[in-house]
Amino acid sequence: MTQKAFLLFFFLFCIISLNDGQNIDINLLRKINVNRSTNLDGSFNLISNSTYPIGIAAPLGLFVVGHLKHNEKMVNNGIISGSAVVLTVAISAALKYSIRRNRPYDTYPDIRPYSADNSPSFPSNHSSVAFCTATSLSLAYPKWYIIVPSYTWASAVAYSRLHLGEHYPSDVVAGAFVGAASAVVSYKLNKWILRQYYGVFPKAQRAEK
């Protein structure tokens, strides 16, 4: 999905949500959560719990390996990815505690969560970090063997939040949007800095321009 298509999808989702949002949200969540196979709970919980380790390990790994290999481009990609994760976590936290939406299981008793969480529901922080990581890696290394696994994992994380009853679908979509947008902003900002301060950055980065 291109950036423009994703933004269009998010816009249309918001329009639908404004018109009949809560009904669509809870009905879709019920279809996924209420009659789910509980045998898969452990697997989806494992996928969900992989979000922060991978979100931290990906930029840190690029940074460390880049230093060890004296690869300045990889070091810079690690910095960009790490900055994007910090940005998306900050934006998600700000939205969560400004909007303070209740978790679905707090409002609807038929939603059966795998485990309860005390933080607000909107947006899904797991989805934002997962899509931020996937988008950062895809922008840094635009190869199918990076893009496909990255977004497959991010989508699995997002779905796991619904399967486990932790979020509404709109929480997950908003989280994915925040994460992807944060990655794009971080990437574009780095490119702008390279243009403005041409002589300050690594030769490997300047050669790309």
Protein backbone atom coordinates (compact mmCIF):
# COMPACT_ATOMS: atom_id res chain seq x y z
CA MET A 1 0.00 0.00 0.00
CA THR A 2 1.45 3.38 -1.02
CA GLN A 3 1.61 6.30 1.39
CA LYS A 4 -1.17 8.14 -0.50
CA ALA A 5 -3.41 5.06 -0.54
CA PHE A 6 -2.88 4.55 3.18
CA LEU A 7 -3.75 8.19 3.91
CA LEU A 8 -6.88 7.90 1.76
CA PHE A 9 -7.91 4.71 3.55
CA PHE A 10 -7.40 6.38 6.92
CA PHE A 11 -9.43 9.45 5.84
CA LEU A 12 -12.33 7.31 4.60
CA PHE A 13 -12.23 5.23 7.78
CA CYS A 14 -12.51 8.41 9.84
CA ILE A 15 -15.49 9.64 7.78
CA ILE A 16 -17.28 6.32 8.27
CA SER A 17 -16.45 6.38 11.96
CA LEU A 18 -17.95 9.85 12.35
CA ASN A 19 -21.23 8.68 10.83
CA ASP A 20 -21.67 5.31 12.49
CA GLY A 21 -18.35 4.86 14.19
CA GLN A 22 -19.01 3.12 17.46
CA ASN A 23 -21.36 0.54 15.93
CA ILE A 24 -18.88 -0.34 13.19
CA ASP A 25 -16.02 -0.44 15.67
CA ILE A 26 -17.63 -2.73 18.21
CA ASN A 27 -19.36 -4.97 15.66
CA LEU A 28 -16.10 -5.66 13.85
CA LEU A 29 -14.29 -6.24 17.13
CA ARG A 30 -16.98 -8.68 18.25
CA LYS A 31 -16.60 -10.69 15.05
CA ILE A 32 -12.88 -11.02 15.69
CA ASN A 33 -12.75 -11.37 19.48
CA VAL A 34 -15.92 -12.93 20.85
CA ASN A 35 -15.86 -16.15 18.83
CA ARG A 36 -12.09 -16.36 18.46
CA SER A 37 -10.13 -19.58 18.88
CA THR A 38 -8.61 -19.21 22.33
CA ASN A 39 -6.00 -21.79 21.32
CA LEU A 40 -4.38 -19.01 19.30
CA ASP A 41 -4.26 -16.55 22.21
CA GLY A 42 -0.74 -17.52 23.22
CA SER A 43 0.59 -17.12 19.68
CA PHE A 44 -1.06 -13.74 19.18
CA ASN A 45 0.14 -12.60 22.59
CA LEU A 46 3.68 -13.56 21.57
CA ILE A 47 3.33 -11.54 18.37
CA SER A 48 1.94 -8.61 20.35
CA ASN A 49 4.78 -8.80 22.88
CA SER A 50 7.37 -8.76 20.09
CA THR A 51 6.51 -5.15 19.27
CA TYR A 52 8.75 -3.26 21.66
CA PRO A 53 11.75 -5.63 21.51
CA ILE A 54 11.78 -5.42 17.70
CA GLY A 55 10.97 -1.69 17.74
CA ILE A 56 14.08 -1.14 19.88
CA ALA A 57 16.32 -3.83 18.38
CA ALA A 58 15.88 -2.74 14.74
CA PRO A 59 17.29 0.82 15.06
CA LEU A 60 19.79 -0.20 17.73
CA GLY A 61 21.01 -3.09 15.58
CA LEU A 62 21.49 -0.82 12.57
CA PHE A 63 23.37 1.68 14.70
CA VAL A 64 25.69 -0.87 16.35
CA VAL A 65 26.37 -2.97 13.25
CA GLY A 66 26.93 0.20 11.25
CA HIS A 67 29.57 1.32 13.73
CA LEU A 68 31.25 -2.08 13.75
CA LYS A 69 31.34 -2.16 9.94
CA HIS A 70 32.21 1.54 9.65
CA ASN A 71 29.07 1.91 7.53
CA GLU A 72 27.94 5.50 8.07
CA LYS A 73 24.77 5.05 6.04
CA MET A 74 23.64 2.20 8.30
CA VAL A 75 24.47 4.26 11.40
CA ASN A 76 22.36 7.12 10.09
CA ASN A 77 19.49 4.76 9.24
CA GLY A 78 19.61 3.52 12.82
CA ILE A 79 19.39 7.08 14.12
CA ILE A 80 16.48 7.89 11.80
CA SER A 81 14.58 4.73 12.79
CA GLY A 82 15.20 5.31 16.49
CA SER A 83 14.05 8.93 16.23
CA ALA A 84 10.88 7.81 14.46
CA VAL A 85 10.06 5.32 17.24
CA VAL A 86 10.58 8.00 19.90
CA LEU A 87 8.33 10.37 17.93
CA THR A 88 5.52 7.85 17.46
CA VAL A 89 5.56 6.83 21.13
CA ALA A 90 5.36 10.49 22.16
CA ILE A 91 2.48 11.25 19.78
CA SER A 92 0.58 8.10 20.77
CA ALA A 93 0.98 8.86 24.48
CA ALA A 94 -0.19 12.45 23.96
CA LEU A 95 -3.29 11.25 22.09
CA LYS A 96 -4.03 8.50 24.60
CA TYR A 97 -4.07 10.79 27.62
CA SER A 98 -5.79 13.65 25.80
CA ILE A 99 -8.67 11.55 24.42
CA ARG A 100 -8.80 8.97 27.26
CA ARG A 101 -10.96 6.46 25.45
CA ASN A 102 -11.94 3.45 27.55
CA ARG A 103 -10.75 0.01 26.54
CA PRO A 104 -13.49 -1.96 24.73
CA TYR A 105 -13.81 -4.53 27.53
CA ASP A 106 -14.47 -1.71 30.01
CA THR A 107 -17.54 -0.67 28.01
CA TYR A 108 -18.73 -3.97 26.52
CA PRO A 109 -18.80 -6.97 28.91
CA ASP A 110 -18.94 -9.48 26.04
CA ILE A 111 -15.46 -8.50 24.87
CA ARG A 112 -13.06 -10.99 26.42
CA PRO A 113 -9.54 -9.62 26.78
CA TYR A 114 -6.53 -11.87 27.09
CA SER A 115 -5.24 -9.50 29.76
CA ALA A 116 -6.42 -6.15 31.09
CA ASP A 117 -4.52 -2.91 30.51
CA ASN A 118 -5.05 0.25 32.54
CA SER A 119 -3.90 2.75 29.88
CA PRO A 120 -6.39 4.48 27.54
CA SER A 121 -7.34 2.75 24.31
CA PHE A 122 -6.90 5.29 21.48
CA PRO A 123 -4.60 4.91 19.60
CA SER A 124 -2.97 1.48 19.75
CA ASN A 125 0.64 2.07 20.77
CA HIS A 126 1.62 -1.45 19.68
CA SER A 127 0.29 -0.73 16.18
CA SER A 128 2.02 2.64 16.01
CA VAL A 129 5.44 1.21 16.98
CA ALA A 130 5.05 -1.78 14.65
CA PHE A 131 4.09 0.30 11.61
CA CYS A 132 6.71 2.91 12.46
CA THR A 133 9.39 0.21 12.47
CA ALA A 134 8.11 -1.40 9.26
CA THR A 135 7.90 1.94 7.44
CA SER A 136 11.35 3.06 8.63
CA LEU A 137 12.96 -0.16 7.42
CA SER A 138 11.09 0.00 4.11
CA LEU A 139 12.18 3.60 3.48
CA ALA A 140 15.79 2.85 4.38
CA TYR A 141 15.94 -0.40 2.39
CA PRO A 142 13.21 -0.36 -0.30
CA LYS A 143 13.52 -4.01 -1.29
CA TRP A 144 10.62 -6.47 -1.41
CA TYR A 145 12.38 -8.85 0.98
CA ILE A 146 12.45 -6.04 3.57
CA ILE A 147 9.06 -4.47 2.85
CA VAL A 148 6.92 -7.65 2.73
CA PRO A 149 8.15 -9.25 5.99
CA SER A 150 8.14 -5.88 7.78
CA TYR A 151 4.53 -5.04 6.95
CA THR A 152 3.39 -8.64 7.42
CA TRP A 153 4.75 -8.52 10.96
CA ALA A 154 3.26 -5.07 11.62
CA SER A 155 -0.14 -6.20 10.33
CA ALA A 156 0.03 -9.30 12.53
CA VAL A 157 0.74 -7.09 15.55
CA ALA A 158 -2.22 -4.86 14.71
CA TYR A 159 -4.55 -7.86 14.26
CA SER A 160 -3.31 -9.39 17.51
CA ARG A 161 -4.58 -6.34 19.42
CA LEU A 162 -8.09 -7.07 18.10
CA HIS A 163 -7.90 -10.82 18.62
CA LEU A 164 -6.82 -10.27 22.22
CA GLY A 165 -9.64 -7.75 22.79
CA GLU A 166 -7.30 -4.91 23.72
CA HIS A 167 -8.40 -2.30 21.15
CA TYR A 168 -11.13 -1.18 18.82
CA PRO A 169 -10.36 -1.37 15.06
CA SER A 170 -10.19 2.43 14.93
CA ASP A 171 -7.49 2.38 17.63
CA VAL A 172 -5.42 0.06 15.49
CA VAL A 173 -5.91 2.04 12.26
CA ALA A 174 -5.06 5.30 14.00
CA GLY A 175 -1.98 3.71 15.59
CA ALA A 176 -0.80 2.41 12.21
CA PHE A 177 -1.28 5.87 10.71
CA VAL A 178 0.63 7.61 13.50
CA GLY A 179 3.47 5.10 13.24
CA ALA A 180 3.81 5.28 9.46
CA ALA A 181 3.53 9.07 9.46
CA SER A 182 6.19 9.39 12.18
CA ALA A 183 8.58 7.25 10.13
CA VAL A 184 7.97 9.32 6.99
CA VAL A 185 8.46 12.60 8.88
CA SER A 186 11.72 11.37 10.42
CA TYR A 187 12.98 10.16 7.02
CA LYS A 188 12.00 13.36 5.18
CA LEU A 189 13.46 15.54 7.92
CA ASN A 190 16.77 13.73 7.61
CA LYS A 191 16.79 14.30 3.85
CA TRP A 192 16.03 17.99 4.40
CA ILE A 193 18.90 18.27 6.87
CA LEU A 194 21.22 16.66 4.33
CA ARG A 195 20.24 19.25 1.75
CA GLN A 196 20.61 22.16 4.17
CA TYR A 197 23.91 21.06 5.71
CA TYR A 198 25.51 19.25 2.81
CA GLY A 199 29.05 19.13 4.13
CA VAL A 200 28.24 17.95 7.66
CA PHE A 201 26.98 14.43 6.98
CA PRO A 202 28.72 11.22 5.94
CA LYS A 203 30.06 10.75 2.41
CA ALA A 204 27.93 7.63 2.00
CA GLN A 205 24.81 9.72 2.61
CA ARG A 206 25.93 12.63 0.41
CA ALA A 207 26.66 10.24 -2.45
CA GLU A 208 22.99 9.27 -2.56
CA LYS A 209 21.82 12.78 -3.38
